[in-house]
Amino acid sequence: MQNWEVTLAKHFKDRNNEEIDEAVIGTIISTNPISVSIYNGQIILNSNQYYVCESLKNITGTINLENVADHGALTTKFTITRELNIGDEVLCIPAARGQKYFIVDKVATT
């Protein structure tokens, strides 16, 4: 029979080492630097614990339009601004054993 200290330690180990293997919805709690709360605030992801997908960053480039009415061809530069704001919900997918997460995109909650 085990003593109570060993049993208690095993319970803490089981509680603190849950297998993390599924996507979760996180909430942005800071934007500079980005911090994300997951599991109702039980885990806070900081900059060394996630990767942010390019789709959430600003996109700049050049676009070529042909056959524009009254102009012919047109080339112009563009910027698409994708901002993360405090309170935004984002899809977080864990990497191996939940050590890091991929922040994939904003989640619409409508």
PDB file of N, CA and C in Angstrom:
ATOM      1  N   MET A   1       0.836  -1.188   0.000  1.00  0.00           N
ATOM      2  CA  MET A   1       0.000   0.000   0.000  1.00  0.00           C
ATOM      3  C   MET A   1       0.880   1.250   0.000  1.00  0.00           C
ATOM      4  N   GLN A   2       0.519   2.226  -0.829  1.00  0.00           N
ATOM      5  CA  GLN A   2       1.300   3.453  -0.945  1.00  0.00           C
ATOM      6  C   GLN A   2       0.913   4.427   0.157  1.00  0.00           C
ATOM      7  N   ASN A   3       1.902   5.243   0.534  1.00  0.00           N
ATOM      8  CA  ASN A   3       1.550   6.258   1.521  1.00  0.00           C
ATOM      9  C   ASN A   3       0.818   7.407   0.826  1.00  0.00           C
ATOM     10  N   TRP A   4       0.176   8.235   1.577  1.00  0.00           N
ATOM     11  CA  TRP A   4      -0.682   9.276   1.028  1.00  0.00           C
ATOM     12  C   TRP A   4       0.094  10.299   0.207  1.00  0.00           C
ATOM     13  N   GLU A   5       1.370  10.539   0.535  1.00  0.00           N
ATOM     14  CA  GLU A   5       2.159  11.522  -0.216  1.00  0.00           C
ATOM     15  C   GLU A   5       2.376  11.067  -1.661  1.00  0.00           C
ATOM     16  N   VAL A   6       2.673   9.785  -1.843  1.00  0.00           N
ATOM     17  CA  VAL A   6       2.897   9.249  -3.189  1.00  0.00           C
ATOM     18  C   VAL A   6       1.604   9.293  -3.992  1.00  0.00           C
ATOM     19  N   THR A   7       0.508   8.924  -3.373  1.00  0.00           N
ATOM     20  CA  THR A   7      -0.784   8.954  -4.051  1.00  0.00           C
ATOM     21  C   THR A   7      -1.147  10.376  -4.465  1.00  0.00           C
ATOM     22  N   LEU A   8      -0.953  11.332  -3.556  1.00  0.00           N
ATOM     23  CA  LEU A   8      -1.246  12.729  -3.861  1.00  0.00           C
ATOM     24  C   LEU A   8      -0.361  13.237  -4.998  1.00  0.00           C
ATOM     25  N   ALA A   9       0.925  12.900  -4.964  1.00  0.00           N
ATOM     26  CA  ALA A   9       1.845  13.319  -6.030  1.00  0.00           C
ATOM     27  C   ALA A   9       1.413  12.758  -7.379  1.00  0.00           C
ATOM     28  N   LYS A  10       0.950  11.520  -7.415  1.00  0.00           N
ATOM     29  CA  LYS A  10       0.479  10.926  -8.665  1.00  0.00           C
ATOM     30  C   LYS A  10      -0.755  11.652  -9.194  1.00  0.00           C
ATOM     31  N   HIS A  11      -1.644  12.050  -8.292  1.00  0.00           N
ATOM     32  CA  HIS A  11      -2.828  12.796  -8.714  1.00  0.00           C
ATOM     33  C   HIS A  11      -2.431  14.145  -9.316  1.00  0.00           C
ATOM     34  N   PHE A  12      -1.484  14.844  -8.691  1.00  0.00           N
ATOM     35  CA  PHE A  12      -1.010  16.114  -9.242  1.00  0.00           C
ATOM     36  C   PHE A  12      -0.363  15.902 -10.601  1.00  0.00           C
ATOM     37  N   LYS A  13       0.434  14.865 -10.747  1.00  0.00           N
ATOM     38  CA  LYS A  13       1.090  14.576 -12.019  1.00  0.00           C
ATOM     39  C   LYS A  13       0.061  14.310 -13.103  1.00  0.00           C
ATOM     40  N   ASP A  14      -0.948  13.516 -12.817  1.00  0.00           N
ATOM     41  CA  ASP A  14      -1.995  13.224 -13.788  1.00  0.00           C
ATOM     42  C   ASP A  14      -2.759  14.486 -14.177  1.00  0.00           C
ATOM     43  N   ARG A  15      -3.028  15.330 -13.197  1.00  0.00           N
ATOM     44  CA  ARG A  15      -3.768  16.564 -13.448  1.00  0.00           C
ATOM     45  C   ARG A  15      -2.954  17.536 -14.288  1.00  0.00           C
ATOM     46  N   ASN A  16      -1.670  17.649 -14.029  1.00  0.00           N
ATOM     47  CA  ASN A  16      -0.826  18.629 -14.686  1.00  0.00           C
ATOM     48  C   ASN A  16      -0.267  18.173 -16.019  1.00  0.00           C
ATOM     49  N   ASN A  17      -0.431  16.923 -16.376  1.00  0.00           N
ATOM     50  CA  ASN A  17       0.142  16.401 -17.614  1.00  0.00           C
ATOM     51  C   ASN A  17      -0.924  15.804 -18.521  1.00  0.00           C
ATOM     52  N   GLU A  18      -2.003  16.560 -18.706  1.00  0.00           N
ATOM     53  CA  GLU A  18      -3.064  16.092 -19.592  1.00  0.00           C
ATOM     54  C   GLU A  18      -2.549  16.039 -21.023  1.00  0.00           C
ATOM     55  N   GLU A  19      -3.002  15.052 -21.769  1.00  0.00           N
ATOM     56  CA  GLU A  19      -2.676  14.967 -23.183  1.00  0.00           C
ATOM     57  C   GLU A  19      -3.459  16.052 -23.916  1.00  0.00           C
ATOM     58  N   ILE A  20      -2.746  16.866 -24.660  1.00  0.00           N
ATOM     59  CA  ILE A  20      -3.375  17.933 -25.426  1.00  0.00           C
ATOM     60  C   ILE A  20      -3.247  17.552 -26.888  1.00  0.00           C
ATOM     61  N   ASP A  21      -4.366  17.240 -27.534  1.00  0.00           N
ATOM     62  CA  ASP A  21      -4.270  16.737 -28.898  1.00  0.00           C
ATOM     63  C   ASP A  21      -5.361  17.259 -29.817  1.00  0.00           C
ATOM     64  N   GLU A  22      -6.080  18.279 -29.411  1.00  0.00           N
ATOM     65  CA  GLU A  22      -7.145  18.768 -30.260  1.00  0.00           C
ATOM     66  C   GLU A  22      -7.112  20.281 -30.344  1.00  0.00           C
ATOM     67  N   ALA A  23      -7.730  20.795 -31.389  1.00  0.00           N
ATOM     68  CA  ALA A  23      -7.809  22.234 -31.576  1.00  0.00           C
ATOM     69  C   ALA A  23      -8.671  22.847 -30.472  1.00  0.00           C
ATOM     70  N   VAL A  24      -8.317  24.060 -30.072  1.00  0.00           N
ATOM     71  CA  VAL A  24      -9.077  24.772 -29.051  1.00  0.00           C
ATOM     72  C   VAL A  24      -9.290  26.211 -29.505  1.00  0.00           C
ATOM     73  N   ILE A  25     -10.298  26.836 -28.944  1.00  0.00           N
ATOM     74  CA  ILE A  25     -10.548  28.246 -29.195  1.00  0.00           C
ATOM     75  C   ILE A  25      -9.874  29.030 -28.072  1.00  0.00           C
ATOM     76  N   GLY A  26      -9.048  29.988 -28.477  1.00  0.00           N
ATOM     77  CA  GLY A  26      -8.375  30.845 -27.510  1.00  0.00           C
ATOM     78  C   GLY A  26      -8.890  32.264 -27.637  1.00  0.00           C
ATOM     79  N   THR A  27      -8.592  33.079 -26.627  1.00  0.00           N
ATOM     80  CA  THR A  27      -8.992  34.478 -26.625  1.00  0.00           C
ATOM     81  C   THR A  27      -7.754  35.349 -26.528  1.00  0.00           C
ATOM     82  N   ILE A  28      -7.653  36.343 -27.402  1.00  0.00           N
ATOM     83  CA  ILE A  28      -6.528  37.271 -27.362  1.00  0.00           C
ATOM     84  C   ILE A  28      -6.672  38.125 -26.106  1.00  0.00           C
ATOM     85  N   ILE A  29      -5.636  38.117 -25.249  1.00  0.00           N
ATOM     86  CA  ILE A  29      -5.685  38.926 -24.024  1.00  0.00           C
ATOM     87  C   ILE A  29      -4.661  40.052 -24.046  1.00  0.00           C
ATOM     88  N   SER A  30      -3.742  40.015 -25.025  1.00  0.00           N
ATOM     89  CA  SER A  30      -2.758  41.076 -25.205  1.00  0.00           C
ATOM     90  C   SER A  30      -2.341  41.065 -26.671  1.00  0.00           C
ATOM     91  N   THR A  31      -2.069  42.250 -27.239  1.00  0.00           N
ATOM     92  CA  THR A  31      -1.706  42.304 -28.649  1.00  0.00           C
ATOM     93  C   THR A  31      -0.255  42.690 -28.901  1.00  0.00           C
ATOM     94  N   ASN A  32       0.422  43.255 -27.950  1.00  0.00           N
ATOM     95  CA  ASN A  32       1.804  43.653 -28.169  1.00  0.00           C
ATOM     96  C   ASN A  32       2.626  43.430 -26.912  1.00  0.00           C
ATOM     97  N   PRO A  33       3.180  42.248 -26.752  1.00  0.00           N
ATOM     98  CA  PRO A  33       3.155  41.096 -27.645  1.00  0.00           C
ATOM     99  C   PRO A  33       1.834  40.330 -27.507  1.00  0.00           C
ATOM    100  N   ILE A  34       1.592  39.464 -28.465  1.00  0.00           N
ATOM    101  CA  ILE A  34       0.364  38.670 -28.464  1.00  0.00           C
ATOM    102  C   ILE A  34       0.418  37.642 -27.335  1.00  0.00           C
ATOM    103  N   SER A  35      -0.654  37.580 -26.557  1.00  0.00           N
ATOM    104  CA  SER A  35      -0.861  36.528 -25.557  1.00  0.00           C
ATOM    105  C   SER A  35      -2.264  35.982 -25.760  1.00  0.00           C
ATOM    106  N   VAL A  36      -2.390  34.666 -25.630  1.00  0.00           N
ATOM    107  CA  VAL A  36      -3.671  34.004 -25.868  1.00  0.00           C
ATOM    108  C   VAL A  36      -4.024  33.148 -24.662  1.00  0.00           C
ATOM    109  N   SER A  37      -5.249  33.292 -24.198  1.00  0.00           N
ATOM    110  CA  SER A  37      -5.766  32.488 -23.096  1.00  0.00           C
ATOM    111  C   SER A  37      -6.511  31.299 -23.681  1.00  0.00           C
ATOM    112  N   ILE A  38      -6.148  30.083 -23.235  1.00  0.00           N
ATOM    113  CA  ILE A  38      -6.884  28.893 -23.646  1.00  0.00           C
ATOM    114  C   ILE A  38      -7.319  28.121 -22.409  1.00  0.00           C
ATOM    115  N   TYR A  39      -8.273  27.242 -22.602  1.00  0.00           N
ATOM    116  CA  TYR A  39      -8.840  26.444 -21.499  1.00  0.00           C
ATOM    117  C   TYR A  39      -9.314  27.341 -20.355  1.00  0.00           C
ATOM    118  N   ASN A  40     -10.110  28.367 -20.719  1.00  0.00           N
ATOM    119  CA  ASN A  40     -10.700  29.294 -19.732  1.00  0.00           C
ATOM    120  C   ASN A  40      -9.658  29.919 -18.823  1.00  0.00           C
ATOM    121  N   GLY A  41      -8.522  30.293 -19.394  1.00  0.00           N
ATOM    122  CA  GLY A  41      -7.484  30.971 -18.631  1.00  0.00           C
ATOM    123  C   GLY A  41      -6.533  30.057 -17.884  1.00  0.00           C
ATOM    124  N   GLN A  42      -6.724  28.745 -17.996  1.00  0.00           N
ATOM    125  CA  GLN A  42      -5.815  27.820 -17.310  1.00  0.00           C
ATOM    126  C   GLN A  42      -4.420  27.850 -17.921  1.00  0.00           C
ATOM    127  N   ILE A  43      -4.341  28.156 -19.233  1.00  0.00           N
ATOM    128  CA  ILE A  43      -3.055  28.236 -19.923  1.00  0.00           C
ATOM    129  C   ILE A  43      -3.003  29.560 -20.672  1.00  0.00           C
ATOM    130  N   ILE A  44      -1.908  30.297 -20.522  1.00  0.00           N
ATOM    131  CA  ILE A  44      -1.669  31.533 -21.255  1.00  0.00           C
ATOM    132  C   ILE A  44      -0.507  31.280 -22.201  1.00  0.00           C
ATOM    133  N   LEU A  45      -0.758  31.453 -23.502  1.00  0.00           N
ATOM    134  CA  LEU A  45       0.292  31.264 -24.498  1.00  0.00           C
ATOM    135  C   LEU A  45       1.010  32.581 -24.725  1.00  0.00           C
ATOM    136  N   ASN A  46       2.323  32.574 -24.535  1.00  0.00           N
ATOM    137  CA  ASN A  46       3.159  33.737 -24.787  1.00  0.00           C
ATOM    138  C   ASN A  46       3.980  33.500 -26.042  1.00  0.00           C
ATOM    139  N   SER A  47       4.733  34.484 -26.479  1.00  0.00           N
ATOM    140  CA  SER A  47       5.377  34.469 -27.792  1.00  0.00           C
ATOM    141  C   SER A  47       6.269  33.262 -28.065  1.00  0.00           C
ATOM    142  N   ASN A  48       6.825  32.636 -27.053  1.00  0.00           N
ATOM    143  CA  ASN A  48       7.676  31.460 -27.293  1.00  0.00           C
ATOM    144  C   ASN A  48       6.868  30.161 -27.322  1.00  0.00           C
ATOM    145  N   GLN A  49       5.535  30.266 -27.253  1.00  0.00           N
ATOM    146  CA  GLN A  49       4.690  29.069 -27.204  1.00  0.00           C
ATOM    147  C   GLN A  49       3.743  28.949 -28.388  1.00  0.00           C
ATOM    148  N   TYR A  50       3.892  29.811 -29.403  1.00  0.00           N
ATOM    149  CA  TYR A  50       2.989  29.725 -30.537  1.00  0.00           C
ATOM    150  C   TYR A  50       3.678  30.186 -31.819  1.00  0.00           C
ATOM    151  N   TYR A  51       3.042  29.821 -32.930  1.00  0.00           N
ATOM    152  CA  TYR A  51       3.384  30.323 -34.254  1.00  0.00           C
ATOM    153  C   TYR A  51       2.123  30.989 -34.790  1.00  0.00           C
ATOM    154  N   VAL A  52       2.251  32.156 -35.406  1.00  0.00           N
ATOM    155  CA  VAL A  52       1.104  32.842 -35.984  1.00  0.00           C
ATOM    156  C   VAL A  52       1.138  32.637 -37.493  1.00  0.00           C
ATOM    157  N   CYS A  53       0.050  32.129 -38.053  1.00  0.00           N
ATOM    158  CA  CYS A  53      -0.022  31.907 -39.495  1.00  0.00           C
ATOM    159  C   CYS A  53      -0.010  33.236 -40.248  1.00  0.00           C
ATOM    160  N   GLU A  54       0.551  33.206 -41.442  1.00  0.00           N
ATOM    161  CA  GLU A  54       0.668  34.406 -42.276  1.00  0.00           C
ATOM    162  C   GLU A  54      -0.686  35.052 -42.544  1.00  0.00           C
ATOM    163  N   SER A  55      -1.758  34.264 -42.551  1.00  0.00           N
ATOM    164  CA  SER A  55      -3.082  34.817 -42.848  1.00  0.00           C
ATOM    165  C   SER A  55      -3.536  35.833 -41.804  1.00  0.00           C
ATOM    166  N   LEU A  56      -2.885  35.885 -40.645  1.00  0.00           N
ATOM    167  CA  LEU A  56      -3.245  36.846 -39.606  1.00  0.00           C
ATOM    168  C   LEU A  56      -2.329  38.062 -39.602  1.00  0.00           C
ATOM    169  N   LYS A  57      -1.409  38.125 -40.536  1.00  0.00           N
ATOM    170  CA  LYS A  57      -0.490  39.255 -40.603  1.00  0.00           C
ATOM    171  C   LYS A  57      -0.893  40.153 -41.765  1.00  0.00           C
ATOM    172  N   ASN A  58      -0.344  41.362 -41.790  1.00  0.00           N
ATOM    173  CA  ASN A  58      -0.618  42.262 -42.902  1.00  0.00           C
ATOM    174  C   ASN A  58      -0.071  41.675 -44.196  1.00  0.00           C
ATOM    175  N   ILE A  59      -0.839  41.828 -45.257  1.00  0.00           N
ATOM    176  CA  ILE A  59      -0.446  41.329 -46.570  1.00  0.00           C
ATOM    177  C   ILE A  59      -0.259  42.531 -47.479  1.00  0.00           C
ATOM    178  N   THR A  60       0.919  42.646 -48.097  1.00  0.00           N
ATOM    179  CA  THR A  60       1.165  43.719 -49.049  1.00  0.00           C
ATOM    180  C   THR A  60       1.583  43.104 -50.377  1.00  0.00           C
ATOM    181  N   GLY A  61       1.312  43.819 -51.454  1.00  0.00           N
ATOM    182  CA  GLY A  61       1.698  43.297 -52.757  1.00  0.00           C
ATOM    183  C   GLY A  61       1.300  44.232 -53.860  1.00  0.00           C
ATOM    184  N   THR A  62       1.420  43.747 -55.047  1.00  0.00           N
ATOM    185  CA  THR A  62       1.052  44.493 -56.240  1.00  0.00           C
ATOM    186  C   THR A  62       0.015  43.682 -56.998  1.00  0.00           C
ATOM    187  N   ILE A  63      -0.974  44.377 -57.538  1.00  0.00           N
ATOM    188  CA  ILE A  63      -2.013  43.714 -58.311  1.00  0.00           C
ATOM    189  C   ILE A  63      -2.060  44.323 -59.707  1.00  0.00           C
ATOM    190  N   ASN A  64      -2.201  43.480 -60.693  1.00  0.00           N
ATOM    191  CA  ASN A  64      -2.331  43.916 -62.082  1.00  0.00           C
ATOM    192  C   ASN A  64      -3.757  43.646 -62.543  1.00  0.00           C
ATOM    193  N   LEU A  65      -4.425  44.688 -62.966  1.00  0.00           N
ATOM    194  CA  LEU A  65      -5.794  44.565 -63.469  1.00  0.00           C
ATOM    195  C   LEU A  65      -5.785  44.876 -64.957  1.00  0.00           C
ATOM    196  N   GLU A  66      -6.390  44.025 -65.748  1.00  0.00           N
ATOM    197  CA  GLU A  66      -6.476  44.251 -67.184  1.00  0.00           C
ATOM    198  C   GLU A  66      -7.908  44.583 -67.554  1.00  0.00           C
ATOM    199  N   ASN A  67      -8.056  45.322 -68.599  1.00  0.00           N
ATOM    200  CA  ASN A  67      -9.367  45.687 -69.139  1.00  0.00           C
ATOM    201  C   ASN A  67     -10.226  46.455 -68.142  1.00  0.00           C
ATOM    202  N   VAL A  68      -9.619  47.392 -67.429  1.00  0.00           N
ATOM    203  CA  VAL A  68     -10.372  48.251 -66.516  1.00  0.00           C
ATOM    204  C   VAL A  68     -11.069  49.311 -67.365  1.00  0.00           C
ATOM    205  N   ALA A  69     -12.364  49.463 -67.163  1.00  0.00           N
ATOM    206  CA  ALA A  69     -13.147  50.399 -67.980  1.00  0.00           C
ATOM    207  C   ALA A  69     -12.499  51.776 -68.005  1.00  0.00           C
ATOM    208  N   ASP A  70     -12.345  52.330 -69.190  1.00  0.00           N
ATOM    209  CA  ASP A  70     -11.784  53.666 -69.429  1.00  0.00           C
ATOM    210  C   ASP A  70     -10.317  53.804 -69.040  1.00  0.00           C
ATOM    211  N   HIS A  71      -9.632  52.719 -68.669  1.00  0.00           N
ATOM    212  CA  HIS A  71      -8.229  52.829 -68.274  1.00  0.00           C
ATOM    213  C   HIS A  71      -7.338  51.790 -68.946  1.00  0.00           C
ATOM    214  N   GLY A  72      -7.886  50.730 -69.457  1.00  0.00           N
ATOM    215  CA  GLY A  72      -7.058  49.655 -70.012  1.00  0.00           C
ATOM    216  C   GLY A  72      -6.480  48.822 -68.885  1.00  0.00           C
ATOM    217  N   ALA A  73      -5.160  48.709 -68.848  1.00  0.00           N
ATOM    218  CA  ALA A  73      -4.496  47.944 -67.786  1.00  0.00           C
ATOM    219  C   ALA A  73      -4.091  48.887 -66.654  1.00  0.00           C
ATOM    220  N   LEU A  74      -4.089  48.357 -65.455  1.00  0.00           N
ATOM    221  CA  LEU A  74      -3.758  49.149 -64.277  1.00  0.00           C
ATOM    222  C   LEU A  74      -2.954  48.292 -63.318  1.00  0.00           C
ATOM    223  N   THR A  75      -1.875  48.853 -62.799  1.00  0.00           N
ATOM    224  CA  THR A  75      -1.074  48.175 -61.785  1.00  0.00           C
ATOM    225  C   THR A  75      -1.040  49.068 -60.551  1.00  0.00           C
ATOM    226  N   THR A  76      -1.315  48.494 -59.408  1.00  0.00           N
ATOM    227  CA  THR A  76      -1.309  49.277 -58.174  1.00  0.00           C
ATOM    228  C   THR A  76      -0.864  48.409 -57.013  1.00  0.00           C
ATOM    229  N   LYS A  77      -0.424  49.053 -55.958  1.00  0.00           N
ATOM    230  CA  LYS A  77      -0.010  48.343 -54.741  1.00  0.00           C
ATOM    231  C   LYS A  77      -1.197  48.276 -53.788  1.00  0.00           C
ATOM    232  N   PHE A  78      -1.195  47.267 -52.912  1.00  0.00           N
ATOM    233  CA  PHE A  78      -2.280  47.128 -51.950  1.00  0.00           C
ATOM    234  C   PHE A  78      -1.745  46.621 -50.623  1.00  0.00           C
ATOM    235  N   THR A  79      -2.506  46.878 -49.579  1.00  0.00           N
ATOM    236  CA  THR A  79      -2.238  46.329 -48.252  1.00  0.00           C
ATOM    237  C   THR A  79      -3.549  45.833 -47.682  1.00  0.00           C
ATOM    238  N   ILE A  80      -3.537  44.605 -47.183  1.00  0.00           N
ATOM    239  CA  ILE A  80      -4.690  44.051 -46.466  1.00  0.00           C
ATOM    240  C   ILE A  80      -4.270  43.961 -45.012  1.00  0.00           C
ATOM    241  N   THR A  81      -4.982  44.663 -44.166  1.00  0.00           N
ATOM    242  CA  THR A  81      -4.641  44.691 -42.748  1.00  0.00           C
ATOM    243  C   THR A  81      -5.487  43.678 -42.003  1.00  0.00           C
ATOM    244  N   ARG A  82      -4.808  42.737 -41.339  1.00  0.00           N
ATOM    245  CA  ARG A  82      -5.485  41.727 -40.524  1.00  0.00           C
ATOM    246  C   ARG A  82      -5.036  41.962 -39.088  1.00  0.00           C
ATOM    247  N   GLU A  83      -5.825  42.614 -38.308  1.00  0.00           N
ATOM    248  CA  GLU A  83      -5.446  42.920 -36.939  1.00  0.00           C
ATOM    249  C   GLU A  83      -6.056  41.929 -35.962  1.00  0.00           C
ATOM    250  N   LEU A  84      -5.286  41.573 -34.967  1.00  0.00           N
ATOM    251  CA  LEU A  84      -5.819  40.844 -33.821  1.00  0.00           C
ATOM    252  C   LEU A  84      -6.079  41.867 -32.730  1.00  0.00           C
ATOM    253  N   ASN A  85      -7.249  41.797 -32.137  1.00  0.00           N
ATOM    254  CA  ASN A  85      -7.635  42.720 -31.078  1.00  0.00           C
ATOM    255  C   ASN A  85      -7.927  41.948 -29.802  1.00  0.00           C
ATOM    256  N   ILE A  86      -7.773  42.610 -28.685  1.00  0.00           N
ATOM    257  CA  ILE A  86      -8.105  41.994 -27.403  1.00  0.00           C
ATOM    258  C   ILE A  86      -9.569  41.553 -27.444  1.00  0.00           C
ATOM    259  N   GLY A  87      -9.807  40.333 -27.054  1.00  0.00           N
ATOM    260  CA  GLY A  87     -11.151  39.774 -27.063  1.00  0.00           C
ATOM    261  C   GLY A  87     -11.447  38.921 -28.278  1.00  0.00           C
ATOM    262  N   ASP A  88     -10.625  39.037 -29.344  1.00  0.00           N
ATOM    263  CA  ASP A  88     -10.835  38.184 -30.518  1.00  0.00           C
ATOM    264  C   ASP A  88     -10.637  36.724 -30.139  1.00  0.00           C
ATOM    265  N   GLU A  89     -11.453  35.864 -30.720  1.00  0.00           N
ATOM    266  CA  GLU A  89     -11.278  34.432 -30.527  1.00  0.00           C
ATOM    267  C   GLU A  89     -10.526  33.872 -31.722  1.00  0.00           C
ATOM    268  N   VAL A  90      -9.554  32.997 -31.446  1.00  0.00           N
ATOM    269  CA  VAL A  90      -8.710  32.436 -32.487  1.00  0.00           C
ATOM    270  C   VAL A  90      -8.646  30.920 -32.358  1.00  0.00           C
ATOM    271  N   LEU A  91      -8.456  30.251 -33.502  1.00  0.00           N
ATOM    272  CA  LEU A  91      -8.309  28.802 -33.528  1.00  0.00           C
ATOM    273  C   LEU A  91      -6.857  28.457 -33.238  1.00  0.00           C
ATOM    274  N   CYS A  92      -6.628  27.660 -32.197  1.00  0.00           N
ATOM    275  CA  CYS A  92      -5.281  27.250 -31.787  1.00  0.00           C
ATOM    276  C   CYS A  92      -5.164  25.736 -31.938  1.00  0.00           C
ATOM    277  N   ILE A  93      -4.185  25.317 -32.731  1.00  0.00           N
ATOM    278  CA  ILE A  93      -3.971  23.890 -32.969  1.00  0.00           C
ATOM    279  C   ILE A  93      -2.634  23.509 -32.358  1.00  0.00           C
ATOM    280  N   PRO A  94      -2.624  22.515 -31.474  1.00  0.00           N
ATOM    281  CA  PRO A  94      -1.368  22.167 -30.807  1.00  0.00           C
ATOM    282  C   PRO A  94      -0.398  21.429 -31.722  1.00  0.00           C
ATOM    283  N   ALA A  95       0.879  21.723 -31.549  1.00  0.00           N
ATOM    284  CA  ALA A  95       1.932  20.927 -32.172  1.00  0.00           C
ATOM    285  C   ALA A  95       2.127  19.705 -31.281  1.00  0.00           C
ATOM    286  N   ALA A  96       3.171  18.950 -31.500  1.00  0.00           N
ATOM    287  CA  ALA A  96       3.419  17.715 -30.743  1.00  0.00           C
ATOM    288  C   ALA A  96       3.319  17.944 -29.242  1.00  0.00           C
ATOM    289  N   ARG A  97       2.452  17.178 -28.602  1.00  0.00           N
ATOM    290  CA  ARG A  97       2.247  17.176 -27.151  1.00  0.00           C
ATOM    291  C   ARG A  97       1.893  18.550 -26.573  1.00  0.00           C
ATOM    292  N   GLY A  98       1.374  19.454 -27.384  1.00  0.00           N
ATOM    293  CA  GLY A  98       0.897  20.733 -26.877  1.00  0.00           C
ATOM    294  C   GLY A  98       1.967  21.664 -26.365  1.00  0.00           C
ATOM    295  N   GLN A  99       3.227  21.443 -26.756  1.00  0.00           N
ATOM    296  CA  GLN A  99       4.296  22.323 -26.290  1.00  0.00           C
ATOM    297  C   GLN A  99       4.241  23.684 -26.974  1.00  0.00           C
ATOM    298  N   LYS A 100       3.784  23.711 -28.228  1.00  0.00           N
ATOM    299  CA  LYS A 100       3.575  24.951 -28.968  1.00  0.00           C
ATOM    300  C   LYS A 100       2.261  24.824 -29.705  1.00  0.00           C
ATOM    301  N   TYR A 101       1.708  25.970 -30.094  1.00  0.00           N
ATOM    302  CA  TYR A 101       0.441  26.013 -30.811  1.00  0.00           C
ATOM    303  C   TYR A 101       0.595  26.811 -32.096  1.00  0.00           C
ATOM    304  N   PHE A 102      -0.247  26.488 -33.067  1.00  0.00           N
ATOM    305  CA  PHE A 102      -0.370  27.274 -34.281  1.00  0.00           C
ATOM    306  C   PHE A 102      -1.633  28.115 -34.137  1.00  0.00           C
ATOM    307  N   ILE A 103      -1.491  29.433 -34.192  1.00  0.00           N
ATOM    308  CA  ILE A 103      -2.663  30.320 -34.184  1.00  0.00           C
ATOM    309  C   ILE A 103      -3.035  30.499 -35.647  1.00  0.00           C
ATOM    310  N   VAL A 104      -4.149  29.891 -36.028  1.00  0.00           N
ATOM    311  CA  VAL A 104      -4.484  29.722 -37.433  1.00  0.00           C
ATOM    312  C   VAL A 104      -5.314  30.883 -37.988  1.00  0.00           C
ATOM    313  N   ASP A 105      -6.373  31.257 -37.303  1.00  0.00           N
ATOM    314  CA  ASP A 105      -7.258  32.282 -37.840  1.00  0.00           C
ATOM    315  C   ASP A 105      -8.212  32.745 -36.754  1.00  0.00           C
ATOM    316  N   LYS A 106      -8.865  33.868 -37.031  1.00  0.00           N
ATOM    317  CA  LYS A 106      -9.932  34.332 -36.139  1.00  0.00           C
ATOM    318  C   LYS A 106     -11.127  33.411 -36.307  1.00  0.00           C
ATOM    319  N   VAL A 107     -11.915  33.306 -35.257  1.00  0.00           N
ATOM    320  CA  VAL A 107     -13.104  32.459 -35.279  1.00  0.00           C
ATOM    321  C   VAL A 107     -14.322  33.355 -35.131  1.00  0.00           C
ATOM    322  N   ALA A 108     -15.272  33.199 -36.046  1.00  0.00           N
ATOM    323  CA  ALA A 108     -16.525  33.947 -35.961  1.00  0.00           C
ATOM    324  C   ALA A 108     -17.464  33.213 -35.007  1.00  0.00           C
ATOM    325  N   THR A 109     -18.038  33.917 -34.080  1.00  0.00           N
ATOM    326  CA  THR A 109     -18.911  33.284 -33.092  1.00  0.00           C
ATOM    327  C   THR A 109     -20.365  33.673 -33.298  1.00  0.00           C
ATOM    328  N   THR A 110     -20.767  33.790 -34.553  1.00  0.00           N
ATOM    329  CA  THR A 110     -22.159  34.162 -34.816  1.00  0.00           C
ATOM    330  C   THR A 110     -23.023  32.958 -34.999  1.00  0.00           C
TER     331      THR A 110
END
